[in-house]
Amino acid sequence: MPYSLNRVELIGRLGQDPNMRVTSAGQTVTRLSLATDRPSRPGETGTDWHQIVCWDQLAEFAGQHLTRGRLVFVAGRISYRTWEGRDGQRRRAAEIVATEIILLDRRPASDPPDSTGSSLAPSDDDLDE
């Protein structure tokens, strides 16, 4: 029996704030761009930009907790989408459909506290206990 696998794992920083919306079918979808570094020439690095799509509960999490510059782990699968552009040409895009997102850094200090009045990120005092 032949086997196949379509799994992507990336660690990078968000290039802009996520774009969250609700589709006409009532599903929440959030799109974001993720930058990862790659070696290009000796001693230099290049940047690859990945388009990430999240659905439903993961989309809501991403829309509420992610902001530009945050360091995240994203796992998912590669998906290819085709459409016809305004000029009549067929277009194709590759995107990562996320199944998991993990925050890898602390919430920036400038973020407001949550509704309970406490910060969502642990303070330095919390880490010593």
N, C-alpha and C. Protein backbone atom coordinates (compact mmCIF):
# COMPACT_ATOMS: atom_id res chain seq x y z
N MET A 1 0.84 -1.17 0.00
CA MET A 1 0.00 0.00 0.00
C MET A 1 0.89 1.24 0.00
N PRO A 2 0.70 2.16 -0.95
CA PRO A 2 1.53 3.36 -1.00
C PRO A 2 1.15 4.33 0.12
N TYR A 3 2.14 5.00 0.64
CA TYR A 3 1.94 5.97 1.70
C TYR A 3 2.28 7.35 1.17
N SER A 4 1.65 8.34 1.73
CA SER A 4 1.99 9.72 1.39
C SER A 4 1.86 10.58 2.64
N LEU A 5 2.51 11.72 2.63
CA LEU A 5 2.50 12.61 3.78
C LEU A 5 2.54 14.04 3.28
N ASN A 6 1.67 14.88 3.81
CA ASN A 6 1.66 16.30 3.50
C ASN A 6 1.64 17.02 4.84
N ARG A 7 2.81 17.30 5.40
CA ARG A 7 2.93 17.96 6.69
C ARG A 7 4.04 18.99 6.61
N VAL A 8 3.75 20.17 7.15
CA VAL A 8 4.71 21.26 7.17
C VAL A 8 4.85 21.74 8.60
N GLU A 9 6.07 22.01 9.03
CA GLU A 9 6.34 22.59 10.34
C GLU A 9 7.28 23.78 10.14
N LEU A 10 6.87 24.94 10.64
CA LEU A 10 7.63 26.17 10.46
C LEU A 10 7.76 26.90 11.79
N ILE A 11 8.89 27.57 11.97
CA ILE A 11 9.07 28.50 13.08
C ILE A 11 9.51 29.81 12.46
N GLY A 12 8.78 30.87 12.76
CA GLY A 12 9.11 32.16 12.20
C GLY A 12 8.35 33.28 12.89
N ARG A 13 8.48 34.46 12.34
CA ARG A 13 7.82 35.65 12.88
C ARG A 13 6.75 36.15 11.92
N LEU A 14 5.66 36.66 12.51
CA LEU A 14 4.58 37.20 11.70
C LEU A 14 5.00 38.52 11.08
N GLY A 15 4.71 38.67 9.80
CA GLY A 15 5.08 39.88 9.08
C GLY A 15 4.07 41.00 9.21
N GLN A 16 2.85 40.67 9.61
CA GLN A 16 1.80 41.67 9.80
C GLN A 16 0.76 41.10 10.74
N ASP A 17 -0.13 41.95 11.23
CA ASP A 17 -1.20 41.47 12.09
C ASP A 17 -2.10 40.54 11.28
N PRO A 18 -2.64 39.50 11.91
CA PRO A 18 -3.51 38.57 11.20
C PRO A 18 -4.78 39.26 10.68
N ASN A 19 -5.32 38.72 9.61
CA ASN A 19 -6.56 39.23 9.01
C ASN A 19 -7.65 38.20 9.27
N MET A 20 -8.53 38.47 10.23
CA MET A 20 -9.59 37.54 10.60
C MET A 20 -10.92 38.04 10.05
N ARG A 21 -11.72 37.11 9.50
CA ARG A 21 -13.06 37.45 9.01
C ARG A 21 -13.94 36.21 9.11
N VAL A 22 -15.23 36.43 8.91
CA VAL A 22 -16.20 35.34 8.91
C VAL A 22 -16.70 35.19 7.48
N THR A 23 -16.69 33.97 6.95
CA THR A 23 -17.13 33.72 5.59
C THR A 23 -18.65 33.79 5.51
N SER A 24 -19.17 33.80 4.29
CA SER A 24 -20.62 33.81 4.09
C SER A 24 -21.27 32.54 4.64
N ALA A 25 -20.48 31.46 4.77
CA ALA A 25 -20.99 30.21 5.34
C ALA A 25 -20.91 30.20 6.87
N GLY A 26 -20.41 31.29 7.47
CA GLY A 26 -20.35 31.40 8.92
C GLY A 26 -19.08 30.85 9.55
N GLN A 27 -18.09 30.47 8.76
CA GLN A 27 -16.83 29.96 9.31
C GLN A 27 -15.86 31.12 9.52
N THR A 28 -15.11 31.04 10.61
CA THR A 28 -14.07 32.03 10.87
C THR A 28 -12.80 31.60 10.15
N VAL A 29 -12.19 32.54 9.43
CA VAL A 29 -10.93 32.26 8.73
C VAL A 29 -9.97 33.40 9.04
N THR A 30 -8.73 33.05 9.33
CA THR A 30 -7.69 34.04 9.60
C THR A 30 -6.51 33.75 8.69
N ARG A 31 -6.02 34.79 8.04
CA ARG A 31 -4.85 34.68 7.16
C ARG A 31 -3.72 35.48 7.78
N LEU A 32 -2.51 34.92 7.67
CA LEU A 32 -1.34 35.62 8.16
C LEU A 32 -0.13 35.26 7.33
N SER A 33 0.89 36.10 7.40
CA SER A 33 2.14 35.82 6.68
C SER A 33 3.23 35.55 7.71
N LEU A 34 4.03 34.54 7.42
CA LEU A 34 5.08 34.10 8.33
C LEU A 34 6.42 34.14 7.61
N ALA A 35 7.40 34.77 8.23
CA ALA A 35 8.75 34.86 7.66
C ALA A 35 9.65 33.82 8.30
N THR A 36 10.37 33.08 7.47
CA THR A 36 11.40 32.16 7.96
C THR A 36 12.71 32.49 7.25
N ASP A 37 13.81 32.31 7.96
CA ASP A 37 15.13 32.56 7.39
C ASP A 37 15.67 31.29 6.76
N ARG A 38 16.48 31.45 5.71
CA ARG A 38 17.15 30.32 5.07
C ARG A 38 18.54 30.78 4.65
N PRO A 39 19.47 29.87 4.67
CA PRO A 39 20.81 30.25 4.20
C PRO A 39 20.77 30.51 2.70
N SER A 40 21.44 31.56 2.25
CA SER A 40 21.51 31.80 0.81
C SER A 40 22.95 31.68 0.34
N ARG A 41 23.78 32.61 0.70
CA ARG A 41 25.22 32.54 0.42
C ARG A 41 25.95 32.36 1.74
N PRO A 42 27.18 31.90 1.69
CA PRO A 42 27.93 31.73 2.95
C PRO A 42 27.94 33.03 3.76
N GLY A 43 27.49 32.92 5.01
CA GLY A 43 27.46 34.08 5.89
C GLY A 43 26.24 34.97 5.73
N GLU A 44 25.34 34.64 4.82
CA GLU A 44 24.15 35.45 4.58
C GLU A 44 22.90 34.59 4.73
N THR A 45 21.78 35.25 4.99
CA THR A 45 20.51 34.54 5.04
C THR A 45 19.50 35.27 4.14
N GLY A 46 18.54 34.51 3.66
CA GLY A 46 17.44 35.08 2.89
C GLY A 46 16.16 34.85 3.69
N THR A 47 15.09 35.45 3.25
CA THR A 47 13.81 35.29 3.94
C THR A 47 12.80 34.70 2.98
N ASP A 48 12.08 33.68 3.46
CA ASP A 48 10.95 33.12 2.74
C ASP A 48 9.68 33.56 3.44
N TRP A 49 8.66 33.95 2.67
CA TRP A 49 7.38 34.36 3.22
C TRP A 49 6.35 33.28 2.91
N HIS A 50 5.67 32.82 3.95
CA HIS A 50 4.67 31.77 3.82
C HIS A 50 3.29 32.33 4.14
N GLN A 51 2.32 32.01 3.32
CA GLN A 51 0.94 32.42 3.58
C GLN A 51 0.27 31.30 4.39
N ILE A 52 -0.26 31.67 5.55
CA ILE A 52 -0.87 30.71 6.47
C ILE A 52 -2.37 30.99 6.53
N VAL A 53 -3.17 29.92 6.51
CA VAL A 53 -4.62 30.03 6.64
C VAL A 53 -5.06 29.18 7.83
N CYS A 54 -5.87 29.77 8.70
CA CYS A 54 -6.40 29.06 9.87
C CYS A 54 -7.92 29.09 9.80
N TRP A 55 -8.56 28.04 10.26
CA TRP A 55 -10.02 27.95 10.23
C TRP A 55 -10.58 27.73 11.63
N ASP A 56 -11.80 28.19 11.84
CA ASP A 56 -12.63 27.94 13.02
C ASP A 56 -11.93 28.35 14.33
N GLN A 57 -11.80 27.44 15.30
CA GLN A 57 -11.24 27.81 16.61
C GLN A 57 -9.80 28.27 16.51
N LEU A 58 -9.02 27.65 15.66
CA LEU A 58 -7.63 28.07 15.49
C LEU A 58 -7.57 29.47 14.89
N ALA A 59 -8.50 29.78 13.99
CA ALA A 59 -8.57 31.11 13.39
C ALA A 59 -8.90 32.16 14.44
N GLU A 60 -9.81 31.84 15.34
CA GLU A 60 -10.15 32.77 16.41
C GLU A 60 -8.96 32.99 17.35
N PHE A 61 -8.26 31.91 17.70
CA PHE A 61 -7.07 32.03 18.54
C PHE A 61 -6.03 32.93 17.87
N ALA A 62 -5.77 32.68 16.59
CA ALA A 62 -4.77 33.47 15.86
C ALA A 62 -5.17 34.94 15.80
N GLY A 63 -6.44 35.19 15.52
CA GLY A 63 -6.91 36.57 15.42
C GLY A 63 -6.85 37.31 16.73
N GLN A 64 -7.00 36.61 17.84
CA GLN A 64 -7.02 37.24 19.16
C GLN A 64 -5.64 37.37 19.79
N HIS A 65 -4.73 36.44 19.53
CA HIS A 65 -3.47 36.40 20.27
C HIS A 65 -2.22 36.70 19.45
N LEU A 66 -2.30 36.68 18.13
CA LEU A 66 -1.10 36.91 17.33
C LEU A 66 -1.05 38.36 16.86
N THR A 67 0.15 38.90 16.83
CA THR A 67 0.38 40.23 16.30
C THR A 67 1.69 40.23 15.52
N ARG A 68 1.87 41.25 14.74
CA ARG A 68 3.09 41.39 13.93
C ARG A 68 4.32 41.25 14.81
N GLY A 69 5.29 40.44 14.34
CA GLY A 69 6.56 40.27 15.04
C GLY A 69 6.59 39.11 16.01
N ARG A 70 5.44 38.51 16.35
CA ARG A 70 5.44 37.40 17.30
C ARG A 70 6.12 36.18 16.70
N LEU A 71 6.86 35.45 17.53
CA LEU A 71 7.54 34.22 17.14
C LEU A 71 6.59 33.06 17.38
N VAL A 72 6.31 32.27 16.33
CA VAL A 72 5.34 31.17 16.45
C VAL A 72 5.83 29.92 15.74
N PHE A 73 5.33 28.79 16.22
CA PHE A 73 5.47 27.50 15.55
C PHE A 73 4.15 27.24 14.86
N VAL A 74 4.20 26.87 13.58
CA VAL A 74 2.99 26.54 12.82
C VAL A 74 3.17 25.16 12.21
N ALA A 75 2.18 24.30 12.41
CA ALA A 75 2.16 22.99 11.76
C ALA A 75 0.89 22.91 10.93
N GLY A 76 0.98 22.24 9.80
CA GLY A 76 -0.19 22.10 8.94
C GLY A 76 0.15 21.34 7.68
N ARG A 77 -0.59 21.65 6.61
CA ARG A 77 -0.38 20.99 5.33
C ARG A 77 -0.34 22.03 4.22
N ILE A 78 0.35 21.70 3.14
CA ILE A 78 0.40 22.58 1.98
C ILE A 78 -0.86 22.37 1.15
N SER A 79 -1.45 23.48 0.72
CA SER A 79 -2.63 23.43 -0.13
C SER A 79 -2.39 24.37 -1.31
N TYR A 80 -2.88 23.98 -2.47
CA TYR A 80 -2.75 24.81 -3.66
C TYR A 80 -4.13 25.29 -4.08
N ARG A 81 -4.22 26.57 -4.37
CA ARG A 81 -5.50 27.18 -4.72
C ARG A 81 -5.35 27.82 -6.10
N THR A 82 -6.35 27.63 -6.95
CA THR A 82 -6.33 28.26 -8.27
C THR A 82 -7.58 29.12 -8.43
N TRP A 83 -7.44 30.19 -9.19
CA TRP A 83 -8.55 31.08 -9.48
C TRP A 83 -8.23 31.86 -10.75
N GLU A 84 -9.23 32.52 -11.27
CA GLU A 84 -9.04 33.34 -12.47
C GLU A 84 -8.95 34.80 -12.04
N GLY A 85 -7.88 35.46 -12.45
CA GLY A 85 -7.67 36.86 -12.09
C GLY A 85 -8.57 37.78 -12.88
N ARG A 86 -8.57 39.04 -12.51
CA ARG A 86 -9.41 40.04 -13.19
C ARG A 86 -9.02 40.18 -14.66
N ASP A 87 -7.76 39.87 -14.97
CA ASP A 87 -7.29 39.96 -16.35
C ASP A 87 -7.59 38.69 -17.15
N GLY A 88 -8.28 37.73 -16.54
CA GLY A 88 -8.64 36.50 -17.23
C GLY A 88 -7.59 35.40 -17.14
N GLN A 89 -6.44 35.69 -16.55
CA GLN A 89 -5.37 34.71 -16.41
C GLN A 89 -5.63 33.81 -15.20
N ARG A 90 -5.29 32.53 -15.36
CA ARG A 90 -5.40 31.61 -14.22
C ARG A 90 -4.23 31.86 -13.27
N ARG A 91 -4.52 31.90 -12.00
CA ARG A 91 -3.51 32.11 -10.97
C ARG A 91 -3.48 30.89 -10.07
N ARG A 92 -2.33 30.70 -9.43
CA ARG A 92 -2.17 29.59 -8.50
C ARG A 92 -1.36 30.08 -7.31
N ALA A 93 -1.79 29.68 -6.12
CA ALA A 93 -1.09 30.07 -4.90
C ALA A 93 -0.91 28.85 -4.01
N ALA A 94 0.23 28.82 -3.35
CA ALA A 94 0.48 27.78 -2.34
C ALA A 94 0.30 28.43 -0.98
N GLU A 95 -0.38 27.73 -0.09
CA GLU A 95 -0.56 28.24 1.26
C GLU A 95 -0.52 27.09 2.24
N ILE A 96 -0.24 27.41 3.49
CA ILE A 96 -0.20 26.41 4.54
C ILE A 96 -1.53 26.49 5.29
N VAL A 97 -2.26 25.39 5.32
CA VAL A 97 -3.48 25.32 6.13
C VAL A 97 -3.06 24.81 7.50
N ALA A 98 -3.11 25.70 8.48
CA ALA A 98 -2.59 25.40 9.82
C ALA A 98 -3.52 24.48 10.59
N THR A 99 -2.92 23.54 11.30
CA THR A 99 -3.66 22.67 12.22
C THR A 99 -3.22 22.90 13.66
N GLU A 100 -2.09 23.61 13.83
CA GLU A 100 -1.54 23.86 15.16
C GLU A 100 -0.71 25.13 15.14
N ILE A 101 -0.88 25.97 16.16
CA ILE A 101 -0.05 27.16 16.33
C ILE A 101 0.36 27.23 17.79
N ILE A 102 1.66 27.43 18.02
CA ILE A 102 2.17 27.56 19.38
C ILE A 102 2.96 28.87 19.46
N LEU A 103 2.62 29.69 20.46
CA LEU A 103 3.36 30.92 20.69
C LEU A 103 4.70 30.57 21.32
N LEU A 104 5.79 31.13 20.81
CA LEU A 104 7.12 30.80 21.31
C LEU A 104 7.79 31.96 22.04
N ASP A 105 7.12 33.10 22.13
CA ASP A 105 7.69 34.23 22.85
C ASP A 105 6.66 34.79 23.82
N ARG A 106 7.09 35.74 24.61
CA ARG A 106 6.19 36.39 25.56
C ARG A 106 5.35 37.44 24.85
N ARG A 107 4.19 37.69 25.42
CA ARG A 107 3.35 38.78 24.93
C ARG A 107 4.12 40.09 25.12
N PRO A 108 4.13 40.96 24.10
CA PRO A 108 4.83 42.24 24.25
C PRO A 108 4.27 43.03 25.43
N ALA A 109 5.13 43.76 26.13
CA ALA A 109 4.74 44.50 27.33
C ALA A 109 3.69 45.56 27.04
N SER A 110 3.60 46.03 25.81
CA SER A 110 2.65 47.09 25.47
C SER A 110 1.22 46.58 25.29
N ASP A 111 1.02 45.23 25.27
CA ASP A 111 -0.33 44.70 25.12
C ASP A 111 -1.14 44.97 26.37
N PRO A 112 -2.43 45.27 26.21
CA PRO A 112 -3.27 45.51 27.38
C PRO A 112 -3.53 44.21 28.14
N PRO A 113 -3.82 44.30 29.42
CA PRO A 113 -4.14 43.10 30.19
C PRO A 113 -5.48 42.53 29.75
N ASP A 114 -5.74 41.25 30.10
CA ASP A 114 -7.01 40.65 29.73
C ASP A 114 -8.13 41.21 30.61
N SER A 115 -9.35 40.73 30.44
CA SER A 115 -10.53 41.28 31.11
C SER A 115 -10.49 41.10 32.62
N THR A 116 -9.67 40.21 33.14
CA THR A 116 -9.58 40.02 34.58
C THR A 116 -8.62 41.01 35.22
N GLY A 117 -7.93 41.78 34.39
CA GLY A 117 -6.99 42.76 34.90
C GLY A 117 -5.58 42.24 35.04
N SER A 118 -5.35 40.97 34.71
CA SER A 118 -4.00 40.42 34.81
C SER A 118 -3.43 40.21 33.42
N SER A 119 -2.14 40.27 33.33
CA SER A 119 -1.48 40.05 32.06
C SER A 119 -1.51 38.56 31.72
N LEU A 120 -1.63 38.22 30.44
CA LEU A 120 -1.63 36.83 30.02
C LEU A 120 -0.24 36.22 30.04
N ALA A 121 0.79 37.06 30.00
CA ALA A 121 2.16 36.56 30.02
C ALA A 121 2.65 36.50 31.46
N PRO A 122 3.44 35.47 31.80
CA PRO A 122 3.95 35.41 33.17
C PRO A 122 4.97 36.51 33.41
N SER A 123 4.98 37.02 34.62
CA SER A 123 5.99 38.02 34.97
C SER A 123 7.28 37.29 35.31
N ASP A 124 8.37 38.04 35.47
CA ASP A 124 9.65 37.43 35.85
C ASP A 124 9.53 36.76 37.21
N ASP A 125 8.70 37.32 38.11
CA ASP A 125 8.51 36.72 39.44
C ASP A 125 7.85 35.36 39.33
N ASP A 126 6.91 35.20 38.38
CA ASP A 126 6.22 33.93 38.19
C ASP A 126 7.18 32.83 37.76
N LEU A 127 8.20 33.18 37.00
CA LEU A 127 9.13 32.21 36.45
C LEU A 127 10.10 31.67 37.50
N ASP A 128 10.31 32.41 38.59
CA ASP A 128 11.25 31.98 39.62
C ASP A 128 10.65 30.97 40.59
N GLU A 129 9.35 30.83 40.59
CA GLU A 129 8.70 29.94 41.56
C GLU A 129 8.80 28.50 41.18
